Full PDB file with SEQRES, HELIX, SHEET, SSBOND, CRYST1, ORIGX, SCALE, CONECT and MASTER records, all heavy atoms in Angstrom:
SEQRES   1 A   44  GLY GLU GLY LYS ARG PHE MET ALA TYR ALA ILE VAL ASN          
SEQRES   2 A   44  SER LEU LYS ALA ASN ASN LYS GLN LYS LEU LEU ASP GLU          
SEQRES   3 A   44  LEU ALA MET GLY VAL GLN GLU LYS GLU LYS VAL LYS GLY          
SEQRES   4 A   44  LYS LYS HIS GLN VAL                                          
HELIX    1 AA1 GLU A    2  ALA A   17  1                                  16    
HELIX    2 AA2 GLN A   21  MET A   29  1                                   9    
HELIX    3 AA3 GLU A   33  VAL A   37  1                                   5    
CRYST1    1.000    1.000    1.000  90.00  90.00  90.00 P 1           1          
ORIGX1      1.000000  0.000000  0.000000        0.00000                         
ORIGX2      0.000000  1.000000  0.000000        0.00000                         
ORIGX3      0.000000  0.000000  1.000000        0.00000                         
SCALE1      1.000000  0.000000  0.000000        0.00000                         
SCALE2      0.000000  1.000000  0.000000        0.00000                         
SCALE3      0.000000  0.000000  1.000000        0.00000                         
ATOM      1  N   GLY A   1       0.827  -1.214   0.002  1.00  0.00           N  
ATOM      2  CA  GLY A   1      -0.003   0.002  -0.011  1.00  0.00           C  
ATOM      3  C   GLY A   1       0.838   1.257  -0.011  1.00  0.00           C  
ATOM      4  O   GLY A   1       0.587   2.204  -0.739  1.00  0.00           O  
ATOM      5  N   GLU A   2       1.904   1.254   0.814  1.00  0.00           N  
ATOM      6  CA  GLU A   2       2.821   2.410   0.852  1.00  0.00           C  
ATOM      7  C   GLU A   2       3.514   2.544  -0.505  1.00  0.00           C  
ATOM      8  O   GLU A   2       3.712   3.680  -0.980  1.00  0.00           O  
ATOM      9  CB  GLU A   2       3.853   2.199   1.959  1.00  0.00           C  
ATOM     10  CG  GLU A   2       3.285   2.330   3.357  1.00  0.00           C  
ATOM     11  CD  GLU A   2       4.292   2.024   4.433  1.00  0.00           C  
ATOM     12  OE1 GLU A   2       5.381   1.486   4.095  1.00  0.00           O  
ATOM     13  OE2 GLU A   2       4.003   2.304   5.618  1.00  0.00           O  
ATOM     14  N   GLY A   3       3.888   1.431  -1.107  1.00  0.00           N  
ATOM     15  CA  GLY A   3       4.547   1.497  -2.427  1.00  0.00           C  
ATOM     16  C   GLY A   3       3.637   2.072  -3.477  1.00  0.00           C  
ATOM     17  O   GLY A   3       4.087   2.880  -4.316  1.00  0.00           O  
ATOM     18  N   LYS A   4       2.381   1.661  -3.474  1.00  0.00           N  
ATOM     19  CA  LYS A   4       1.432   2.165  -4.467  1.00  0.00           C  
ATOM     20  C   LYS A   4       1.263   3.678  -4.325  1.00  0.00           C  
ATOM     21  O   LYS A   4       1.228   4.397  -5.317  1.00  0.00           O  
ATOM     22  CB  LYS A   4       0.097   1.478  -4.306  1.00  0.00           C  
ATOM     23  CG  LYS A   4       0.091   0.038  -4.797  1.00  0.00           C  
ATOM     24  CD  LYS A   4      -1.185  -0.689  -4.432  1.00  0.00           C  
ATOM     25  CE  LYS A   4      -2.393  -0.157  -5.202  1.00  0.00           C  
ATOM     26  NZ  LYS A   4      -3.601  -0.943  -4.889  1.00  0.00           N  
ATOM     27  N   ARG A   5       1.188   4.154  -3.111  1.00  0.00           N  
ATOM     28  CA  ARG A   5       1.036   5.599  -2.877  1.00  0.00           C  
ATOM     29  C   ARG A   5       2.289   6.341  -3.338  1.00  0.00           C  
ATOM     30  O   ARG A   5       2.203   7.405  -3.980  1.00  0.00           O  
ATOM     31  CB  ARG A   5       0.746   5.888  -1.398  1.00  0.00           C  
ATOM     32  CG  ARG A   5      -0.661   5.523  -0.962  1.00  0.00           C  
ATOM     33  CD  ARG A   5      -0.972   6.053   0.414  1.00  0.00           C  
ATOM     34  NE  ARG A   5      -0.171   5.410   1.458  1.00  0.00           N  
ATOM     35  CZ  ARG A   5      -0.499   4.283   2.052  1.00  0.00           C  
ATOM     36  NH1 ARG A   5      -1.608   3.641   1.718  1.00  0.00           N  
ATOM     37  NH2 ARG A   5       0.277   3.782   3.008  1.00  0.00           N  
ATOM     38  N   PHE A   6       3.439   5.831  -3.010  1.00  0.00           N  
ATOM     39  CA  PHE A   6       4.694   6.457  -3.423  1.00  0.00           C  
ATOM     40  C   PHE A   6       4.819   6.520  -4.924  1.00  0.00           C  
ATOM     41  O   PHE A   6       5.170   7.558  -5.501  1.00  0.00           O  
ATOM     42  CB  PHE A   6       5.854   5.664  -2.789  1.00  0.00           C  
ATOM     43  CG  PHE A   6       7.235   6.119  -3.259  1.00  0.00           C  
ATOM     44  CD1 PHE A   6       7.838   7.227  -2.688  1.00  0.00           C  
ATOM     45  CD2 PHE A   6       7.883   5.440  -4.272  1.00  0.00           C  
ATOM     46  CE1 PHE A   6       9.088   7.639  -3.108  1.00  0.00           C  
ATOM     47  CE2 PHE A   6       9.127   5.855  -4.696  1.00  0.00           C  
ATOM     48  CZ  PHE A   6       9.732   6.969  -4.130  1.00  0.00           C  
ATOM     49  N   MET A   7       4.565   5.384  -5.584  1.00  0.00           N  
ATOM     50  CA  MET A   7       4.697   5.352  -7.051  1.00  0.00           C  
ATOM     51  C   MET A   7       3.621   6.189  -7.726  1.00  0.00           C  
ATOM     52  O   MET A   7       3.888   6.829  -8.749  1.00  0.00           O  
ATOM     53  CB  MET A   7       4.643   3.912  -7.528  1.00  0.00           C  
ATOM     54  CG  MET A   7       5.873   3.112  -7.184  1.00  0.00           C  
ATOM     55  SD  MET A   7       5.885   1.417  -7.859  1.00  0.00           S  
ATOM     56  CE  MET A   7       4.657   0.636  -6.800  1.00  0.00           C  
ATOM     57  N   ALA A   8       2.410   6.219  -7.164  1.00  0.00           N  
ATOM     58  CA  ALA A   8       1.347   7.039  -7.735  1.00  0.00           C  
ATOM     59  C   ALA A   8       1.715   8.524  -7.712  1.00  0.00           C  
ATOM     60  O   ALA A   8       1.482   9.255  -8.671  1.00  0.00           O  
ATOM     61  CB  ALA A   8       0.041   6.813  -6.948  1.00  0.00           C  
ATOM     62  N   TYR A   9       2.316   8.928  -6.626  1.00  0.00           N  
ATOM     63  CA  TYR A   9       2.771  10.340  -6.493  1.00  0.00           C  
ATOM     64  C   TYR A   9       3.788  10.672  -7.571  1.00  0.00           C  
ATOM     65  O   TYR A   9       3.705  11.712  -8.243  1.00  0.00           O  
ATOM     66  CB  TYR A   9       3.356  10.544  -5.108  1.00  0.00           C  
ATOM     67  CG  TYR A   9       3.851  11.935  -4.817  1.00  0.00           C  
ATOM     68  CD1 TYR A   9       2.949  12.966  -4.489  1.00  0.00           C  
ATOM     69  CD2 TYR A   9       5.212  12.249  -4.884  1.00  0.00           C  
ATOM     70  CE1 TYR A   9       3.427  14.259  -4.224  1.00  0.00           C  
ATOM     71  CE2 TYR A   9       5.675  13.522  -4.645  1.00  0.00           C  
ATOM     72  CZ  TYR A   9       4.762  14.515  -4.292  1.00  0.00           C  
ATOM     73  OH  TYR A   9       5.206  15.806  -4.051  1.00  0.00           O  
ATOM     74  N   ALA A  10       4.747   9.749  -7.778  1.00  0.00           N  
ATOM     75  CA  ALA A  10       5.789   9.985  -8.791  1.00  0.00           C  
ATOM     76  C   ALA A  10       5.182   9.996 -10.208  1.00  0.00           C  
ATOM     77  O   ALA A  10       5.580  10.803 -11.072  1.00  0.00           O  
ATOM     78  CB  ALA A  10       6.859   8.917  -8.679  1.00  0.00           C  
ATOM     79  N   ILE A  11       4.255   9.096 -10.460  1.00  0.00           N  
ATOM     80  CA  ILE A  11       3.635   9.008 -11.786  1.00  0.00           C  
ATOM     81  C   ILE A  11       2.851  10.273 -12.096  1.00  0.00           C  
ATOM     82  O   ILE A  11       2.958  10.850 -13.180  1.00  0.00           O  
ATOM     83  CB  ILE A  11       2.726   7.769 -11.856  1.00  0.00           C  
ATOM     84  CG1 ILE A  11       3.609   6.501 -11.956  1.00  0.00           C  
ATOM     85  CG2 ILE A  11       1.787   7.836 -13.048  1.00  0.00           C  
ATOM     86  CD1 ILE A  11       2.841   5.203 -11.829  1.00  0.00           C  
ATOM     87  N   VAL A  12       2.052  10.736 -11.151  1.00  0.00           N  
ATOM     88  CA  VAL A  12       1.234  11.948 -11.361  1.00  0.00           C  
ATOM     89  C   VAL A  12       2.144  13.147 -11.590  1.00  0.00           C  
ATOM     90  O   VAL A  12       1.903  13.960 -12.517  1.00  0.00           O  
ATOM     91  CB  VAL A  12       0.291  12.197 -10.161  1.00  0.00           C  
ATOM     92  CG1 VAL A  12      -0.329  13.592 -10.248  1.00  0.00           C  
ATOM     93  CG2 VAL A  12      -0.789  11.137 -10.158  1.00  0.00           C  
ATOM     94  N   ASN A  13       3.194  13.268 -10.802  1.00  0.00           N  
ATOM     95  CA  ASN A  13       4.108  14.409 -10.979  1.00  0.00           C  
ATOM     96  C   ASN A  13       4.784  14.379 -12.346  1.00  0.00           C  
ATOM     97  O   ASN A  13       4.957  15.430 -12.986  1.00  0.00           O  
ATOM     98  CB  ASN A  13       5.171  14.393  -9.892  1.00  0.00           C  
ATOM     99  CG  ASN A  13       4.676  14.959  -8.567  1.00  0.00           C  
ATOM    100  OD1 ASN A  13       3.596  15.575  -8.543  1.00  0.00           O  
ATOM    101  ND2 ASN A  13       5.380  14.752  -7.510  1.00  0.00           N  
ATOM    102  N   SER A  14       5.136  13.200 -12.823  1.00  0.00           N  
ATOM    103  CA  SER A  14       5.754  13.080 -14.134  1.00  0.00           C  
ATOM    104  C   SER A  14       4.765  13.426 -15.226  1.00  0.00           C  
ATOM    105  O   SER A  14       5.130  14.135 -16.192  1.00  0.00           O  
ATOM    106  CB  SER A  14       6.281  11.664 -14.327  1.00  0.00           C  
ATOM    107  OG  SER A  14       6.826  11.510 -15.647  1.00  0.00           O  
ATOM    108  N   LEU A  15       3.538  12.962 -15.114  1.00  0.00           N  
ATOM    109  CA  LEU A  15       2.526  13.301 -16.114  1.00  0.00           C  
ATOM    110  C   LEU A  15       2.253  14.793 -16.154  1.00  0.00           C  
ATOM    111  O   LEU A  15       2.083  15.376 -17.250  1.00  0.00           O  
ATOM    112  CB  LEU A  15       1.207  12.528 -15.808  1.00  0.00           C  
ATOM    113  CG  LEU A  15       1.279  10.996 -15.930  1.00  0.00           C  
ATOM    114  CD1 LEU A  15      -0.057  10.404 -15.518  1.00  0.00           C  
ATOM    115  CD2 LEU A  15       1.648  10.568 -17.368  1.00  0.00           C  
ATOM    116  N   LYS A  16       2.250  15.427 -15.013  1.00  0.00           N  
ATOM    117  CA  LYS A  16       2.059  16.863 -14.967  1.00  0.00           C  
ATOM    118  C   LYS A  16       3.225  17.607 -15.627  1.00  0.00           C  
ATOM    119  O   LYS A  16       3.026  18.544 -16.406  1.00  0.00           O  
ATOM    120  CB  LYS A  16       1.905  17.356 -13.501  1.00  0.00           C  
ATOM    121  CG  LYS A  16       0.583  16.968 -12.856  1.00  0.00           C  
ATOM    122  CD  LYS A  16       0.545  17.445 -11.410  1.00  0.00           C  
ATOM    123  CE  LYS A  16      -0.788  17.169 -10.748  1.00  0.00           C  
ATOM    124  NZ  LYS A  16      -0.837  17.593  -9.329  1.00  0.00           N  
ATOM    125  N   ALA A  17       4.428  17.137 -15.306  1.00  0.00           N  
ATOM    126  CA  ALA A  17       5.637  17.798 -15.845  1.00  0.00           C  
ATOM    127  C   ALA A  17       5.710  17.669 -17.362  1.00  0.00           C  
ATOM    128  O   ALA A  17       6.282  18.559 -18.034  1.00  0.00           O  
ATOM    129  CB  ALA A  17       6.890  17.185 -15.213  1.00  0.00           C  
ATOM    130  N   ASN A  18       5.115  16.614 -17.903  1.00  0.00           N  
ATOM    131  CA  ASN A  18       5.141  16.394 -19.341  1.00  0.00           C  
ATOM    132  C   ASN A  18       3.828  16.739 -20.040  1.00  0.00           C  
ATOM    133  O   ASN A  18       3.597  16.372 -21.191  1.00  0.00           O  
ATOM    134  CB  ASN A  18       5.529  14.934 -19.623  1.00  0.00           C  
ATOM    135  CG  ASN A  18       6.974  14.630 -19.272  1.00  0.00           C  
ATOM    136  OD1 ASN A  18       7.885  14.987 -20.012  1.00  0.00           O  
ATOM    137  ND2 ASN A  18       7.179  14.002 -18.130  1.00  0.00           N  
ATOM    138  N   ASN A  19       2.999  17.490 -19.304  1.00  0.00           N  
ATOM    139  CA  ASN A  19       1.732  18.005 -19.873  1.00  0.00           C  
ATOM    140  C   ASN A  19       0.844  16.941 -20.506  1.00  0.00           C  
ATOM    141  O   ASN A  19       0.226  17.137 -21.543  1.00  0.00           O  
ATOM    142  CB  ASN A  19       2.045  19.078 -20.918  1.00  0.00           C  
ATOM    143  CG  ASN A  19       2.792  20.264 -20.336  1.00  0.00           C  
ATOM    144  OD1 ASN A  19       2.407  20.790 -19.290  1.00  0.00           O  
ATOM    145  ND2 ASN A  19       3.866  20.689 -20.976  1.00  0.00           N  
ATOM    146  N   LYS A  20       0.760  15.801 -19.812  1.00  0.00           N  
ATOM    147  CA  LYS A  20      -0.113  14.730 -20.299  1.00  0.00           C  
ATOM    148  C   LYS A  20      -1.496  14.828 -19.640  1.00  0.00           C  
ATOM    149  O   LYS A  20      -1.889  13.984 -18.832  1.00  0.00           O  
ATOM    150  CB  LYS A  20       0.552  13.385 -20.084  1.00  0.00           C  
ATOM    151  CG  LYS A  20       1.903  13.257 -20.820  1.00  0.00           C  
ATOM    152  CD  LYS A  20       2.414  11.863 -20.916  1.00  0.00           C  
ATOM    153  CE  LYS A  20       3.689  11.824 -21.774  1.00  0.00           C  
ATOM    154  NZ  LYS A  20       4.203  10.464 -21.993  1.00  0.00           N  
ATOM    155  N   GLN A  21      -2.189  15.918 -20.027  1.00  0.00           N  
ATOM    156  CA  GLN A  21      -3.406  16.258 -19.358  1.00  0.00           C  
ATOM    157  C   GLN A  21      -4.551  15.282 -19.591  1.00  0.00           C  
ATOM    158  O   GLN A  21      -5.379  15.016 -18.717  1.00  0.00           O  
ATOM    159  CB  GLN A  21      -3.859  17.666 -19.815  1.00  0.00           C  
ATOM    160  CG  GLN A  21      -4.973  18.277 -18.944  1.00  0.00           C  
ATOM    161  CD  GLN A  21      -4.552  18.389 -17.486  1.00  0.00           C  
ATOM    162  OE1 GLN A  21      -3.458  18.848 -17.176  1.00  0.00           O  
ATOM    163  NE2 GLN A  21      -5.427  17.942 -16.585  1.00  0.00           N  
ATOM    164  N   LYS A  22      -4.573  14.677 -20.770  1.00  0.00           N  
ATOM    165  CA  LYS A  22      -5.646  13.733 -21.071  1.00  0.00           C  
ATOM    166  C   LYS A  22      -5.580  12.532 -20.129  1.00  0.00           C  
ATOM    167  O   LYS A  22      -6.611  12.082 -19.603  1.00  0.00           O  
ATOM    168  CB  LYS A  22      -5.520  13.258 -22.520  1.00  0.00           C  
ATOM    169  CG  LYS A  22      -6.647  12.322 -22.943  1.00  0.00           C  
ATOM    170  CD  LYS A  22      -6.528  11.947 -24.429  1.00  0.00           C  
ATOM    171  CE  LYS A  22      -7.649  10.994 -24.838  1.00  0.00           C  
ATOM    172  NZ  LYS A  22      -7.539  10.607 -26.267  1.00  0.00           N  
ATOM    173  N   LEU A  23      -4.396  12.040 -19.876  1.00  0.00           N  
ATOM    174  CA  LEU A  23      -4.233  10.942 -18.936  1.00  0.00           C  
ATOM    175  C   LEU A  23      -4.595  11.377 -17.506  1.00  0.00           C  
ATOM    176  O   LEU A  23      -5.259  10.658 -16.784  1.00  0.00           O  
ATOM    177  CB  LEU A  23      -2.774  10.426 -18.958  1.00  0.00           C  
ATOM    178  CG  LEU A  23      -2.448   9.322 -19.953  1.00  0.00           C  
ATOM    179  CD1 LEU A  23      -0.975   9.000 -19.911  1.00  0.00           C  
ATOM    180  CD2 LEU A  23      -3.279   8.079 -19.697  1.00  0.00           C  
ATOM    181  N   LEU A  24      -4.163  12.556 -17.134  1.00  0.00           N  
ATOM    182  CA  LEU A  24      -4.483  13.078 -15.794  1.00  0.00           C  
ATOM    183  C   LEU A  24      -5.969  13.203 -15.593  1.00  0.00           C  
ATOM    184  O   LEU A  24      -6.505  12.874 -14.518  1.00  0.00           O  
ATOM    185  CB  LEU A  24      -3.788  14.419 -15.569  1.00  0.00           C  
ATOM    186  CG  LEU A  24      -2.254  14.370 -15.422  1.00  0.00           C  
ATOM    187  CD1 LEU A  24      -1.666  15.770 -15.529  1.00  0.00           C  
ATOM    188  CD2 LEU A  24      -1.899  13.752 -14.055  1.00  0.00           C  
ATOM    189  N   ASP A  25      -6.677  13.670 -16.631  1.00  0.00           N  
ATOM    190  CA  ASP A  25      -8.137  13.809 -16.523  1.00  0.00           C  
ATOM    191  C   ASP A  25      -8.792  12.461 -16.376  1.00  0.00           C  
ATOM    192  O   ASP A  25      -9.751  12.308 -15.590  1.00  0.00           O  
ATOM    193  CB  ASP A  25      -8.674  14.501 -17.793  1.00  0.00           C  
ATOM    194  CG  ASP A  25      -8.280  15.971 -17.874  1.00  0.00           C  
ATOM    195  OD1 ASP A  25      -7.873  16.534 -16.844  1.00  0.00           O  
ATOM    196  OD2 ASP A  25      -8.374  16.547 -18.985  1.00  0.00           O  
ATOM    197  N   GLU A  26      -8.295  11.448 -17.081  1.00  0.00           N  
ATOM    198  CA  GLU A  26      -8.851  10.109 -16.974  1.00  0.00           C  
ATOM    199  C   GLU A  26      -8.626   9.528 -15.588  1.00  0.00           C  
ATOM    200  O   GLU A  26      -9.508   8.881 -15.009  1.00  0.00           O  
ATOM    201  CB  GLU A  26      -8.234   9.193 -18.022  1.00  0.00           C  
ATOM    202  CG  GLU A  26      -8.940   7.881 -18.187  1.00  0.00           C  
ATOM    203  CD  GLU A  26      -8.629   7.162 -19.460  1.00  0.00           C  
ATOM    204  OE1 GLU A  26      -7.786   7.647 -20.223  1.00  0.00           O  
ATOM    205  OE2 GLU A  26      -9.230   6.096 -19.702  1.00  0.00           O  
ATOM    206  N   LEU A  27      -7.449   9.776 -15.020  1.00  0.00           N  
ATOM    207  CA  LEU A  27      -7.174   9.299 -13.664  1.00  0.00           C  
ATOM    208  C   LEU A  27      -8.016  10.036 -12.629  1.00  0.00           C  
ATOM    209  O   LEU A  27      -8.430   9.424 -11.632  1.00  0.00           O  
ATOM    210  CB  LEU A  27      -5.673   9.505 -13.337  1.00  0.00           C  
ATOM    211  CG  LEU A  27      -4.655   8.767 -14.244  1.00  0.00           C  
ATOM    212  CD1 LEU A  27      -3.253   9.010 -13.743  1.00  0.00           C  
ATOM    213  CD2 LEU A  27      -4.962   7.284 -14.306  1.00  0.00           C  
ATOM    214  N   ALA A  28      -8.285  11.287 -12.883  1.00  0.00           N  
ATOM    215  CA  ALA A  28      -9.125  12.068 -11.951  1.00  0.00           C  
ATOM    216  C   ALA A  28     -10.554  11.547 -11.961  1.00  0.00           C  
ATOM    217  O   ALA A  28     -11.209  11.495 -10.913  1.00  0.00           O  
ATOM    218  CB  ALA A  28      -9.090  13.537 -12.353  1.00  0.00           C  
ATOM    219  N   MET A  29     -11.028  11.140 -13.112  1.00  0.00           N  
ATOM    220  CA  MET A  29     -12.403  10.627 -13.220  1.00  0.00           C  
ATOM    221  C   MET A  29     -12.548   9.278 -12.499  1.00  0.00           C  
ATOM    222  O   MET A  29     -13.668   8.886 -12.163  1.00  0.00           O  
ATOM    223  CB  MET A  29     -12.767  10.478 -14.695  1.00  0.00           C  
ATOM    224  CG  MET A  29     -12.956  11.798 -15.421  1.00  0.00           C  
ATOM    225  SD  MET A  29     -13.328  11.570 -17.187  1.00  0.00           S  
ATOM    226  CE  MET A  29     -14.887  10.670 -17.088  1.00  0.00           C  
ATOM    227  N   GLY A  30     -11.441   8.594 -12.278  1.00  0.00           N  
ATOM    228  CA  GLY A  30     -11.513   7.285 -11.640  1.00  0.00           C  
ATOM    229  C   GLY A  30     -11.576   7.324 -10.128  1.00  0.00           C  
ATOM    230  O   GLY A  30     -11.775   6.266  -9.486  1.00  0.00           O  
ATOM    231  N   VAL A  31     -11.436   8.487  -9.515  1.00  0.00           N  
ATOM    232  CA  VAL A  31     -11.448   8.588  -8.065  1.00  0.00           C  
ATOM    233  C   VAL A  31     -12.860   8.459  -7.512  1.00  0.00           C  
ATOM    234  O   VAL A  31     -13.766   9.156  -7.965  1.00  0.00           O  
ATOM    235  CB  VAL A  31     -10.833   9.912  -7.604  1.00  0.00           C  
ATOM    236  CG1 VAL A  31     -10.823   9.967  -6.052  1.00  0.00           C  
ATOM    237  CG2 VAL A  31      -9.434  10.065  -8.121  1.00  0.00           C  
ATOM    238  N   GLN A  32     -13.080   7.545  -6.577  1.00  0.00           N  
ATOM    239  CA  GLN A  32     -14.379   7.378  -5.965  1.00  0.00           C  
ATOM    240  C   GLN A  32     -14.729   8.574  -5.108  1.00  0.00           C  
ATOM    241  O   GLN A  32     -13.865   9.254  -4.547  1.00  0.00           O  
ATOM    242  CB  GLN A  32     -14.389   6.092  -5.126  1.00  0.00           C  
ATOM    243  CG  GLN A  32     -14.171   4.824  -5.927  1.00  0.00           C  
ATOM    244  CD  GLN A  32     -14.203   3.595  -5.052  1.00  0.00           C  
ATOM    245  OE1 GLN A  32     -14.230   3.665  -3.827  1.00  0.00           O  
ATOM    246  NE2 GLN A  32     -14.196   2.429  -5.687  1.00  0.00           N  
ATOM    247  N   GLU A  33     -16.028   8.834  -4.952  1.00  0.00           N  
ATOM    248  CA  GLU A  33     -16.496   9.989  -4.213  1.00  0.00           C  
ATOM    249  C   GLU A  33     -15.961  10.009  -2.775  1.00  0.00           C  
ATOM    250  O   GLU A  33     -15.543  11.052  -2.278  1.00  0.00           O  
ATOM    251  CB  GLU A  33     -18.028  10.051  -4.201  1.00  0.00           C  
ATOM    252  CG  GLU A  33     -18.617  10.358  -5.562  1.00  0.00           C  
ATOM    253  CD  GLU A  33     -18.185  11.724  -6.079  1.00  0.00           C  
ATOM    254  OE1 GLU A  33     -18.010  12.661  -5.265  1.00  0.00           O  
ATOM    255  OE2 GLU A  33     -18.017  11.851  -7.294  1.00  0.00           O  
ATOM    256  N   LYS A  34     -15.969   8.839  -2.131  1.00  0.00           N  
ATOM    257  CA  LYS A  34     -15.514   8.795  -0.733  1.00  0.00           C  
ATOM    258  C   LYS A  34     -14.027   9.092  -0.628  1.00  0.00           C  
ATOM    259  O   LYS A  34     -13.550   9.586   0.423  1.00  0.00           O  
ATOM    260  CB  LYS A  34     -15.817   7.432  -0.115  1.00  0.00           C  
ATOM    261  CG  LYS A  34     -15.131   6.262  -0.783  1.00  0.00           C  
ATOM    262  CD  LYS A  34     -15.506   4.942  -0.083  1.00  0.00           C  
ATOM    263  CE  LYS A  34     -14.826   3.750  -0.742  1.00  0.00           C  
ATOM    264  NZ  LYS A  34     -15.188   2.481  -0.067  1.00  0.00           N  
ATOM    265  N   GLU A  35     -13.275   8.827  -1.699  1.00  0.00           N  
ATOM    266  CA  GLU A  35     -11.840   9.131  -1.708  1.00  0.00           C  
ATOM    267  C   GLU A  35     -11.614  10.609  -2.024  1.00  0.00           C  
ATOM    268  O   GLU A  35     -10.656  11.205  -1.543  1.00  0.00           O  
ATOM    269  CB  GLU A  35     -11.122   8.254  -2.721  1.00  0.00           C  
ATOM    270  CG  GLU A  35     -11.142   6.763  -2.384  1.00  0.00           C  
ATOM    271  CD  GLU A  35     -10.430   6.471  -1.065  1.00  0.00           C  
ATOM    272  OE1 GLU A  35      -9.410   7.112  -0.802  1.00  0.00           O  
ATOM    273  OE2 GLU A  35     -10.923   5.599  -0.317  1.00  0.00           O  
ATOM    274  N   LYS A  36     -12.489  11.190  -2.839  1.00  0.00           N  
ATOM    275  CA  LYS A  36     -12.368  12.633  -3.136  1.00  0.00           C  
ATOM    276  C   LYS A  36     -12.504  13.444  -1.868  1.00  0.00           C  
ATOM    277  O   LYS A  36     -11.811  14.468  -1.689  1.00  0.00           O  
ATOM    278  CB  LYS A  36     -13.441  13.045  -4.150  1.00  0.00           C  
ATOM    279  CG  LYS A  36     -13.216  12.526  -5.551  1.00  0.00           C  
ATOM    280  CD  LYS A  36     -14.338  12.992  -6.479  1.00  0.00           C  
ATOM    281  CE  LYS A  36     -14.125  12.477  -7.886  1.00  0.00           C  
ATOM    282  NZ  LYS A  36     -15.211  12.919  -8.806  1.00  0.00           N  
ATOM    283  N   VAL A  37     -13.386  12.992  -0.975  1.00  0.00           N  
ATOM    284  CA  VAL A  37     -13.596  13.724   0.299  1.00  0.00           C  
ATOM    285  C   VAL A  37     -12.295  13.742   1.109  1.00  0.00           C  
ATOM    286  O   VAL A  37     -12.036  14.705   1.835  1.00  0.00           O  
ATOM    287  CB  VAL A  37     -14.720  13.029   1.109  1.00  0.00           C  
ATOM    288  CG1 VAL A  37     -14.834  13.660   2.498  1.00  0.00           C  
ATOM    289  CG2 VAL A  37     -16.039  13.128   0.369  1.00  0.00           C  
ATOM    290  N   LYS A  38     -11.495  12.686   0.966  1.00  0.00           N  
ATOM    291  CA  LYS A  38     -10.239  12.596   1.709  1.00  0.00           C  
ATOM    292  C   LYS A  38      -9.106  13.377   1.020  1.00  0.00           C  
ATOM    293  O   LYS A  38      -8.012  13.442   1.520  1.00  0.00           O  
ATOM    294  CB  LYS A  38      -9.818  11.132   1.829  1.00  0.00           C  
ATOM    295  CG  LYS A  38     -10.829  10.260   2.585  1.00  0.00           C  
ATOM    296  CD  LYS A  38     -10.351   8.813   2.594  1.00  0.00           C  
ATOM    297  CE  LYS A  38     -11.376   7.901   3.266  1.00  0.00           C  
ATOM    298  NZ  LYS A  38     -10.947   6.493   3.231  1.00  0.00           N  
ATOM    299  N   GLY A  39      -9.429  13.937  -0.161  1.00  0.00           N  
ATOM    300  CA  GLY A  39      -8.437  14.744  -0.857  1.00  0.00           C  
ATOM    301  C   GLY A  39      -7.739  14.056  -1.995  1.00  0.00           C  
ATOM    302  O   GLY A  39      -6.836  14.626  -2.627  1.00  0.00           O  
ATOM    303  N   LYS A  40      -8.118  12.801  -2.289  1.00  0.00           N  
ATOM    304  CA  LYS A  40      -7.493  12.078  -3.373  1.00  0.00           C  
ATOM    305  C   LYS A  40      -7.912  12.656  -4.711  1.00  0.00           C  
ATOM    306  O   LYS A  40      -9.106  12.910  -4.937  1.00  0.00           O  
ATOM    307  CB  LYS A  40      -7.858  10.591  -3.310  1.00  0.00           C  
ATOM    308  CG  LYS A  40      -7.136   9.732  -4.300  1.00  0.00           C  
ATOM    309  CD  LYS A  40      -7.418   8.263  -4.064  1.00  0.00           C  
ATOM    310  CE  LYS A  40      -6.666   7.352  -4.993  1.00  0.00           C  
ATOM    311  NZ  LYS A  40      -6.913   5.909  -4.724  1.00  0.00           N  
ATOM    312  N   LYS A  41      -6.972  12.850  -5.620  1.00  0.00           N  
ATOM    313  CA  LYS A  41      -7.261  13.521  -6.885  1.00  0.00           C  
ATOM    314  C   LYS A  41      -7.093  12.629  -8.123  1.00  0.00           C  
ATOM    315  O   LYS A  41      -7.643  12.934  -9.158  1.00  0.00           O  
ATOM    316  CB  LYS A  41      -6.366  14.767  -7.048  1.00  0.00           C  
ATOM    317  CG  LYS A  41      -6.633  15.830  -5.994  1.00  0.00           C  
ATOM    318  CD  LYS A  41      -5.739  17.041  -6.200  1.00  0.00           C  
ATOM    319  CE  LYS A  41      -6.020  18.121  -5.157  1.00  0.00           C  
ATOM    320  NZ  LYS A  41      -5.144  19.286  -5.354  1.00  0.00           N  
ATOM    321  N   HIS A  42      -6.320  11.539  -7.978  1.00  0.00           N  
ATOM    322  CA  HIS A  42      -6.060  10.679  -9.131  1.00  0.00           C  
ATOM    323  C   HIS A  42      -6.074   9.216  -8.714  1.00  0.00           C  
ATOM    324  O   HIS A  42      -5.514   8.880  -7.663  1.00  0.00           O  
ATOM    325  CB  HIS A  42      -4.715  11.026  -9.771  1.00  0.00           C  
ATOM    326  CG  HIS A  42      -4.599  12.415 -10.263  1.00  0.00           C  
ATOM    327  ND1 HIS A  42      -4.080  13.432  -9.470  1.00  0.00           N  
ATOM    328  CD2 HIS A  42      -4.934  12.979 -11.457  1.00  0.00           C  
ATOM    329  CE1 HIS A  42      -4.102  14.565 -10.163  1.00  0.00           C  
ATOM    330  NE2 HIS A  42      -4.606  14.323 -11.348  1.00  0.00           N  
ATOM    331  N   GLN A  43      -6.673   8.370  -9.517  1.00  0.00           N  
ATOM    332  CA  GLN A  43      -6.677   6.923  -9.304  1.00  0.00           C  
ATOM    333  C   GLN A  43      -5.630   6.321 -10.237  1.00  0.00           C  
ATOM    334  O   GLN A  43      -5.893   6.101 -11.408  1.00  0.00           O  
ATOM    335  CB  GLN A  43      -8.058   6.344  -9.589  1.00  0.00           C  
ATOM    336  CG  GLN A  43      -8.185   4.881  -9.233  1.00  0.00           C  
ATOM    337  CD  GLN A  43      -8.024   4.657  -7.730  1.00  0.00           C  
ATOM    338  OE1 GLN A  43      -8.654   5.372  -6.924  1.00  0.00           O  
ATOM    339  NE2 GLN A  43      -7.198   3.708  -7.343  1.00  0.00           N  
ATOM    340  N   VAL A  44      -4.472   6.035  -9.717  1.00  0.00           N  
ATOM    341  CA  VAL A  44      -3.357   5.580 -10.531  1.00  0.00           C  
ATOM    342  C   VAL A  44      -3.320   4.049 -10.661  1.00  0.00           C  
ATOM    343  O   VAL A  44      -3.032   3.516 -11.728  1.00  0.00           O  
ATOM    344  CB  VAL A  44      -2.020   6.093  -9.962  1.00  0.00           C  
ATOM    345  CG1 VAL A  44      -0.827   5.530 -10.721  1.00  0.00           C  
ATOM    346  CG2 VAL A  44      -1.989   7.623  -9.988  1.00  0.00           C  
TER     347      VAL A  44                                                      
MASTER        0    0    0    3    0    0    0    6  346    1    0    4          
END                                                                             
């Protein structure tokens, strides 16, 4: 679980740095409502 969170953070940062907005939008749409409340923004 810790590894998934760590790698997800790195993946999202890389996608942002390389302007891969379409992928970021798709990952954002995958976040469940209960996770959005906790501040989660991307389902990696």
